[in-house]
């Protein structure tokens, strides 16, 4: 049986998953990888991320970038790195705790209405 992606339009798209090194975040990242997306998992822990990448790279293209979603400067560095490497992110999923209101405000997001 051939494992054909359910969403072939995701092939080559860039998917950012915060908290992607474990739990729901890893499950979400795995789903994106199986669909052919380039997956960027972002989390605080490098050791857990390395373990997650062993799983994710079996399904597709994946990398880890460090981030602390409670720190606006850390999130800004993450976005800068993604933009430098890929020019965009097609999809984003929050597997880590939601960013702080201050961090969201820095990116022009209103927490109560945009998320």
C-alpha atoms as a PDB file:
ATOM      1  CA  UNK A   1       0.000   0.000   0.000  1.00  0.00           C
ATOM      2  CA  UNK A   2       1.356   3.409  -0.978  1.00  0.00           C
ATOM      3  CA  UNK A   3       1.018   6.161   1.606  1.00  0.00           C
ATOM      4  CA  UNK A   4      -0.407   8.943  -0.563  1.00  0.00           C
ATOM      5  CA  UNK A   5      -0.752  12.369   1.085  1.00  0.00           C
ATOM      6  CA  UNK A   6      -4.334  13.371   1.759  1.00  0.00           C
ATOM      7  CA  UNK A   7      -3.443  17.004   1.062  1.00  0.00           C
ATOM      8  CA  UNK A   8      -0.935  17.016  -1.831  1.00  0.00           C
ATOM      9  CA  UNK A   9      -1.061  20.835  -1.981  1.00  0.00           C
ATOM     10  CA  UNK A  10       1.002  20.868   1.242  1.00  0.00           C
ATOM     11  CA  UNK A  11       4.049  19.455  -0.577  1.00  0.00           C
ATOM     12  CA  UNK A  12       6.917  21.906  -0.216  1.00  0.00           C
ATOM     13  CA  UNK A  13       4.936  24.347   1.942  1.00  0.00           C
ATOM     14  CA  UNK A  14       6.574  25.555   5.160  1.00  0.00           C
ATOM     15  CA  UNK A  15       4.835  24.585   8.410  1.00  0.00           C
ATOM     16  CA  UNK A  16       5.968  26.087  11.719  1.00  0.00           C
ATOM     17  CA  UNK A  17       4.981  24.146  14.840  1.00  0.00           C
ATOM     18  CA  UNK A  18       5.839  25.592  18.243  1.00  0.00           C
ATOM     19  CA  UNK A  19       6.213  22.948  20.906  1.00  0.00           C
ATOM     20  CA  UNK A  20       6.815  20.504  18.064  1.00  0.00           C
ATOM     21  CA  UNK A  21       9.275  18.324  19.919  1.00  0.00           C
ATOM     22  CA  UNK A  22       6.708  16.414  22.003  1.00  0.00           C
ATOM     23  CA  UNK A  23       3.043  15.693  22.610  1.00  0.00           C
ATOM     24  CA  UNK A  24       0.398  17.356  20.481  1.00  0.00           C
ATOM     25  CA  UNK A  25       3.008  19.571  18.836  1.00  0.00           C
ATOM     26  CA  UNK A  26       4.987  16.532  17.642  1.00  0.00           C
ATOM     27  CA  UNK A  27       1.811  14.835  16.417  1.00  0.00           C
ATOM     28  CA  UNK A  28       0.916  17.991  14.472  1.00  0.00           C
ATOM     29  CA  UNK A  29       4.436  18.269  13.025  1.00  0.00           C
ATOM     30  CA  UNK A  30       4.302  14.592  12.003  1.00  0.00           C
ATOM     31  CA  UNK A  31       0.997  15.162  10.211  1.00  0.00           C
ATOM     32  CA  UNK A  32       2.474  18.087   8.257  1.00  0.00           C
ATOM     33  CA  UNK A  33       5.571  16.022   7.386  1.00  0.00           C
ATOM     34  CA  UNK A  34       3.457  13.115   6.111  1.00  0.00           C
ATOM     35  CA  UNK A  35       1.702  15.563   3.791  1.00  0.00           C
ATOM     36  CA  UNK A  36       5.036  16.659   2.294  1.00  0.00           C
ATOM     37  CA  UNK A  37       5.420  20.002   4.065  1.00  0.00           C
ATOM     38  CA  UNK A  38       8.793  21.322   5.137  1.00  0.00           C
ATOM     39  CA  UNK A  39       8.410  21.244   8.915  1.00  0.00           C
ATOM     40  CA  UNK A  40      10.089  23.652  11.321  1.00  0.00           C
ATOM     41  CA  UNK A  41       9.624  22.614  14.926  1.00  0.00           C
ATOM     42  CA  UNK A  42      10.387  25.323  17.459  1.00  0.00           C
ATOM     43  CA  UNK A  43      10.855  24.685  21.148  1.00  0.00           C
ATOM     44  CA  UNK A  44      13.141  25.383  24.102  1.00  0.00           C
ATOM     45  CA  UNK A  45      14.674  21.949  24.560  1.00  0.00           C
ATOM     46  CA  UNK A  46      17.338  20.832  22.103  1.00  0.00           C
ATOM     47  CA  UNK A  47      17.561  17.265  23.449  1.00  0.00           C
ATOM     48  CA  UNK A  48      13.845  16.605  22.963  1.00  0.00           C
ATOM     49  CA  UNK A  49      13.993  18.285  19.555  1.00  0.00           C
ATOM     50  CA  UNK A  50      16.794  15.973  18.407  1.00  0.00           C
ATOM     51  CA  UNK A  51      14.676  12.976  19.402  1.00  0.00           C
ATOM     52  CA  UNK A  52      11.658  14.431  17.585  1.00  0.00           C
ATOM     53  CA  UNK A  53      13.711  15.082  14.441  1.00  0.00           C
ATOM     54  CA  UNK A  54      14.611  11.385  14.270  1.00  0.00           C
ATOM     55  CA  UNK A  55      10.886  10.671  13.934  1.00  0.00           C
ATOM     56  CA  UNK A  56      10.058  13.599  11.659  1.00  0.00           C
ATOM     57  CA  UNK A  57      12.875  13.141   9.147  1.00  0.00           C
ATOM     58  CA  UNK A  58      11.597   9.626   8.429  1.00  0.00           C
ATOM     59  CA  UNK A  59       8.421  11.259   7.123  1.00  0.00           C
ATOM     60  CA  UNK A  60       9.987  14.247   5.349  1.00  0.00           C
ATOM     61  CA  UNK A  61      12.023  17.438   5.590  1.00  0.00           C
ATOM     62  CA  UNK A  62      12.225  18.820   9.139  1.00  0.00           C
ATOM     63  CA  UNK A  63      14.428  21.070  11.219  1.00  0.00           C
ATOM     64  CA  UNK A  64      14.464  22.524  14.734  1.00  0.00           C
ATOM     65  CA  UNK A  65      14.880  26.147  15.750  1.00  0.00           C
ATOM     66  CA  UNK A  66      15.073  27.309  19.369  1.00  0.00           C
ATOM     67  CA  UNK A  67      12.329  29.534  20.765  1.00  0.00           C
ATOM     68  CA  UNK A  68      10.741  30.568  24.037  1.00  0.00           C
ATOM     69  CA  UNK A  69       7.232  31.664  23.060  1.00  0.00           C
ATOM     70  CA  UNK A  70       6.918  33.694  26.275  1.00  0.00           C
ATOM     71  CA  UNK A  71       9.810  35.907  25.104  1.00  0.00           C
ATOM     72  CA  UNK A  72       8.957  38.326  22.300  1.00  0.00           C
ATOM     73  CA  UNK A  73      12.610  38.721  21.263  1.00  0.00           C
ATOM     74  CA  UNK A  74      12.987  34.948  20.990  1.00  0.00           C
ATOM     75  CA  UNK A  75       9.887  34.761  18.791  1.00  0.00           C
ATOM     76  CA  UNK A  76      11.196  37.640  16.640  1.00  0.00           C
ATOM     77  CA  UNK A  77      14.493  35.755  16.125  1.00  0.00           C
ATOM     78  CA  UNK A  78      12.525  32.658  15.134  1.00  0.00           C
ATOM     79  CA  UNK A  79      10.466  34.574  12.574  1.00  0.00           C
ATOM     80  CA  UNK A  80      13.617  36.237  11.193  1.00  0.00           C
ATOM     81  CA  UNK A  81      15.307  32.858  10.749  1.00  0.00           C
ATOM     82  CA  UNK A  82      12.286  31.360   8.997  1.00  0.00           C
ATOM     83  CA  UNK A  83      11.978  34.367   6.708  1.00  0.00           C
ATOM     84  CA  UNK A  84      15.700  34.227   5.890  1.00  0.00           C
ATOM     85  CA  UNK A  85      15.612  30.516   5.137  1.00  0.00           C
ATOM     86  CA  UNK A  86      12.243  30.185   3.383  1.00  0.00           C
ATOM     87  CA  UNK A  87      10.832  33.662   2.762  1.00  0.00           C
ATOM     88  CA  UNK A  88       7.523  32.682   4.371  1.00  0.00           C
ATOM     89  CA  UNK A  89       5.657  30.162   6.485  1.00  0.00           C
ATOM     90  CA  UNK A  90       2.521  28.722   4.919  1.00  0.00           C
ATOM     91  CA  UNK A  91       1.084  27.277   8.115  1.00  0.00           C
ATOM     92  CA  UNK A  92       1.669  27.731  11.822  1.00  0.00           C
ATOM     93  CA  UNK A  93       0.454  25.573  14.679  1.00  0.00           C
ATOM     94  CA  UNK A  94       0.827  26.291  18.370  1.00  0.00           C
ATOM     95  CA  UNK A  95       1.726  23.147  20.275  1.00  0.00           C
ATOM     96  CA  UNK A  96       3.416  25.119  23.046  1.00  0.00           C
ATOM     97  CA  UNK A  97       1.628  27.453  25.405  1.00  0.00           C
ATOM     98  CA  UNK A  98       0.287  30.488  23.569  1.00  0.00           C
ATOM     99  CA  UNK A  99       2.619  33.478  23.222  1.00  0.00           C
ATOM    100  CA  UNK A 100       2.276  36.246  25.760  1.00  0.00           C
ATOM    101  CA  UNK A 101      -0.089  39.142  24.929  1.00  0.00           C
ATOM    102  CA  UNK A 102       2.942  41.460  24.699  1.00  0.00           C
ATOM    103  CA  UNK A 103       4.551  39.166  22.141  1.00  0.00           C
ATOM    104  CA  UNK A 104       1.340  38.929  20.113  1.00  0.00           C
ATOM    105  CA  UNK A 105       0.944  42.703  20.165  1.00  0.00           C
ATOM    106  CA  UNK A 106       4.470  43.071  18.733  1.00  0.00           C
ATOM    107  CA  UNK A 107       3.272  41.144  15.674  1.00  0.00           C
ATOM    108  CA  UNK A 108      -0.030  43.000  15.389  1.00  0.00           C
ATOM    109  CA  UNK A 109      -2.192  40.138  16.648  1.00  0.00           C
ATOM    110  CA  UNK A 110      -5.134  40.792  18.958  1.00  0.00           C
ATOM    111  CA  UNK A 111      -5.253  37.710  21.220  1.00  0.00           C
ATOM    112  CA  UNK A 112      -8.975  37.785  21.901  1.00  0.00           C
ATOM    113  CA  UNK A 113     -10.065  38.053  18.259  1.00  0.00           C
ATOM    114  CA  UNK A 114      -7.310  36.762  15.956  1.00  0.00           C
ATOM    115  CA  UNK A 115      -6.463  33.436  17.556  1.00  0.00           C
END
